[in-house]
């Protein structure tokens, strides 16, 4: 890992463990094993560091959903594949999941940052919009639909991280549950 990556990883670990306010730059410097000046070389301040970590996390999340195997034969199966891909990302990346949840609800996040990071999952929003337009899904606002679908994945990931594991059948049942909630 290069120094920038070490700083981001240390920040991810410390923020999820201690929270935003209890993680000063000096602690990040110590955990990353870099000089404080090195952090400021890469990031102007803590807010910029947090935005960079958020952006990187959203990009990885978006790539995981876009990598879902879509057959194009069944909208329902493609929906479940995307849902499962996001769940798998959150299940395999507990710290990123926790950070994204914390940061998205924090006063640190700027509206512009949220809007900018939307680019990473815009293809999924477009997919949901098509599902609504083609009559596969309930006719509600696509923004509301996106939040509702994401909420089912977040709930499943929270269960996964608290229980320790969910078998493949249960994950499939949860994806089916999400589908039933939005289908027309």
Protein backbone atom coordinates (compact mmCIF):
# COMPACT_ATOMS: atom_id res chain seq x y z
CA UNK A 1 0.00 0.00 0.00
CA UNK A 2 1.19 3.51 -0.72
CA UNK A 3 1.04 6.20 1.97
CA UNK A 4 -2.27 7.60 0.78
CA UNK A 5 -3.84 4.13 0.94
CA UNK A 6 -2.34 3.55 4.43
CA UNK A 7 -3.89 6.82 5.62
CA UNK A 8 -7.30 5.93 4.18
CA UNK A 9 -7.19 2.43 5.68
CA UNK A 10 -6.15 3.74 9.10
CA UNK A 11 -8.93 6.33 8.95
CA UNK A 12 -11.47 3.68 8.02
CA UNK A 13 -10.45 1.46 10.93
CA UNK A 14 -10.30 4.26 13.49
CA UNK A 15 -13.52 6.02 12.48
CA UNK A 16 -15.54 2.82 12.65
CA UNK A 17 -13.98 1.96 16.00
CA UNK A 18 -13.97 5.38 17.68
CA UNK A 19 -16.29 7.65 15.71
CA UNK A 20 -15.49 10.92 13.94
CA UNK A 21 -14.85 13.16 16.94
CA UNK A 22 -12.73 10.65 18.84
CA UNK A 23 -10.38 10.13 15.89
CA UNK A 24 -7.93 13.03 15.67
CA UNK A 25 -5.42 13.33 12.86
CA UNK A 26 -2.62 12.46 15.31
CA UNK A 27 -4.25 9.09 15.93
CA UNK A 28 -4.58 8.48 12.20
CA UNK A 29 -0.93 9.41 11.73
CA UNK A 30 0.15 6.94 14.40
CA UNK A 31 -2.04 4.10 13.07
CA UNK A 32 -0.93 4.66 9.46
CA UNK A 33 2.70 4.96 10.60
CA UNK A 34 3.19 8.19 8.67
CA UNK A 35 4.11 11.69 9.77
CA UNK A 36 1.25 14.11 10.32
CA UNK A 37 2.69 16.25 7.53
CA UNK A 38 2.28 13.31 5.16
CA UNK A 39 -1.45 13.26 5.86
CA UNK A 40 -1.69 16.97 5.13
CA UNK A 41 0.32 16.47 1.95
CA UNK A 42 -2.45 14.17 0.66
CA UNK A 43 -5.48 15.74 2.38
CA UNK A 44 -5.97 19.41 3.20
CA UNK A 45 -7.83 18.63 6.44
CA UNK A 46 -9.89 15.94 8.15
CA UNK A 47 -13.05 16.84 6.23
CA UNK A 48 -11.25 16.35 2.91
CA UNK A 49 -9.84 13.05 4.18
CA UNK A 50 -13.32 11.85 5.15
CA UNK A 51 -14.75 12.91 1.79
CA UNK A 52 -11.99 11.00 0.01
CA UNK A 53 -12.71 7.90 2.06
CA UNK A 54 -16.43 8.27 1.35
CA UNK A 55 -15.80 8.73 -2.36
CA UNK A 56 -13.52 5.69 -2.54
CA UNK A 57 -16.03 3.59 -0.61
CA UNK A 58 -18.94 4.67 -2.81
CA UNK A 59 -16.90 3.92 -5.92
CA UNK A 60 -16.14 0.40 -4.69
CA UNK A 61 -19.79 -0.10 -3.75
CA UNK A 62 -20.93 1.07 -7.18
CA UNK A 63 -18.47 -1.17 -8.98
CA UNK A 64 -19.69 -4.17 -7.00
CA UNK A 65 -23.29 -3.57 -8.06
CA UNK A 66 -22.33 -2.89 -11.66
CA UNK A 67 -20.37 -6.16 -11.69
CA UNK A 68 -23.54 -8.15 -10.94
CA UNK A 69 -24.21 -10.81 -13.54
CA UNK A 70 -27.25 -9.70 -15.50
CA UNK A 71 -28.88 -12.04 -17.96
CA UNK A 72 -31.20 -9.48 -19.51
CA UNK A 73 -33.81 -12.25 -19.75
CA UNK A 74 -35.62 -11.57 -16.50
CA UNK A 75 -35.89 -8.19 -14.83
CA UNK A 76 -36.65 -9.94 -11.54
CA UNK A 77 -33.51 -12.10 -11.71
CA UNK A 78 -31.38 -9.11 -12.67
CA UNK A 79 -32.82 -7.13 -9.74
CA UNK A 80 -31.99 -9.96 -7.34
CA UNK A 81 -28.49 -10.22 -8.79
CA UNK A 82 -27.84 -6.52 -8.18
CA UNK A 83 -29.35 -6.74 -4.69
CA UNK A 84 -27.16 -9.76 -3.87
CA UNK A 85 -24.05 -8.05 -5.26
CA UNK A 86 -24.58 -5.06 -2.98
CA UNK A 87 -25.31 -7.30 0.00
CA UNK A 88 -22.14 -9.29 -0.71
CA UNK A 89 -20.10 -6.08 -0.88
CA UNK A 90 -21.46 -4.95 2.50
CA UNK A 91 -21.00 -8.43 3.99
CA UNK A 92 -17.40 -8.68 2.80
CA UNK A 93 -16.51 -5.10 3.70
CA UNK A 94 -17.80 -4.60 7.24
CA UNK A 95 -15.71 -1.49 7.94
CA UNK A 96 -16.67 0.23 4.69
CA UNK A 97 -20.31 -0.64 5.35
CA UNK A 98 -20.13 0.84 8.85
CA UNK A 99 -18.30 3.93 7.63
CA UNK A 100 -20.77 4.56 4.80
CA UNK A 101 -23.67 4.27 7.23
CA UNK A 102 -22.01 6.58 9.77
CA UNK A 103 -20.86 9.19 7.27
CA UNK A 104 -24.09 9.33 5.28
CA UNK A 105 -25.97 10.23 8.48
CA UNK A 106 -23.34 12.60 9.85
CA UNK A 107 -23.24 16.40 9.71
CA UNK A 108 -19.86 16.09 7.94
CA UNK A 109 -21.31 15.06 4.59
CA UNK A 110 -22.00 17.84 2.15
CA UNK A 111 -25.01 17.72 -0.16
CA UNK A 112 -22.65 18.27 -3.09
CA UNK A 113 -20.56 15.26 -2.02
CA UNK A 114 -23.63 13.02 -1.97
CA UNK A 115 -24.69 14.25 -5.40
CA UNK A 116 -21.19 13.81 -6.83
CA UNK A 117 -20.91 10.23 -5.55
CA UNK A 118 -24.23 9.31 -7.13
CA UNK A 119 -22.30 8.75 -10.37
CA UNK A 120 -21.00 5.48 -8.94
CA UNK A 121 -24.45 3.92 -8.72
CA UNK A 122 -26.37 5.92 -11.34
CA UNK A 123 -26.59 2.86 -13.64
CA UNK A 124 -28.49 1.05 -10.88
CA UNK A 125 -30.87 3.99 -10.47
CA UNK A 126 -31.38 3.89 -14.25
CA UNK A 127 -32.09 0.16 -14.01
CA UNK A 128 -34.74 0.79 -11.34
CA UNK A 129 -36.22 3.63 -13.42
CA UNK A 130 -36.55 1.25 -16.38
CA UNK A 131 -38.23 -1.29 -14.14
CA UNK A 132 -40.78 1.32 -13.14
CA UNK A 133 -41.27 2.56 -16.71
CA UNK A 134 -41.67 -0.95 -18.15
CA UNK A 135 -44.16 -1.92 -15.45
CA UNK A 136 -42.00 -4.47 -13.64
CA UNK A 137 -41.95 -2.42 -10.45
CA UNK A 138 -44.37 -0.25 -8.50
CA UNK A 139 -44.91 3.21 -9.88
CA UNK A 140 -43.27 5.30 -7.21
CA UNK A 141 -40.57 7.94 -7.41
CA UNK A 142 -37.26 6.33 -8.38
CA UNK A 143 -35.45 8.16 -5.56
CA UNK A 144 -37.85 6.65 -3.03
CA UNK A 145 -37.48 3.25 -4.71
CA UNK A 146 -33.70 3.49 -4.54
CA UNK A 147 -33.76 4.30 -0.83
CA UNK A 148 -36.25 1.53 -0.07
CA UNK A 149 -34.26 -1.11 -1.95
CA UNK A 150 -31.02 0.08 -0.36
CA UNK A 151 -32.72 -0.09 3.04
CA UNK A 152 -33.45 -3.79 2.62
CA UNK A 153 -29.79 -4.45 1.79
CA UNK A 154 -28.61 -2.39 4.76
CA UNK A 155 -30.94 -4.28 7.10
CA UNK A 156 -29.71 -7.61 5.77
CA UNK A 157 -26.08 -6.52 6.16
CA UNK A 158 -26.72 -5.44 9.75
CA UNK A 159 -28.21 -8.85 10.48
CA UNK A 160 -25.26 -10.52 8.79
CA UNK A 161 -22.72 -8.57 10.85
CA UNK A 162 -24.55 -9.10 14.13
CA UNK A 163 -25.29 -12.82 13.60
CA UNK A 164 -21.98 -13.58 11.94
CA UNK A 165 -23.27 -15.27 8.82
CA UNK A 166 -26.30 -15.87 6.66
CA UNK A 167 -26.48 -18.94 4.48
CA UNK A 168 -26.95 -18.66 0.74
CA UNK A 169 -30.59 -19.73 0.96
CA UNK A 170 -31.37 -16.97 3.47
CA UNK A 171 -29.65 -14.35 1.32
CA UNK A 172 -31.70 -15.56 -1.63
CA UNK A 173 -34.87 -15.33 0.48
CA UNK A 174 -33.96 -11.77 1.46
CA UNK A 175 -33.38 -10.76 -2.17
CA UNK A 176 -36.76 -12.31 -2.99
CA UNK A 177 -38.33 -10.39 -0.10
CA UNK A 178 -36.89 -7.13 -1.50
CA UNK A 179 -38.22 -7.99 -4.94
CA UNK A 180 -41.71 -8.71 -3.63
CA UNK A 181 -41.68 -5.33 -1.88
CA UNK A 182 -41.11 -3.41 -5.13
CA UNK A 183 -42.66 -5.53 -7.88
CA UNK A 184 -45.86 -4.45 -9.53
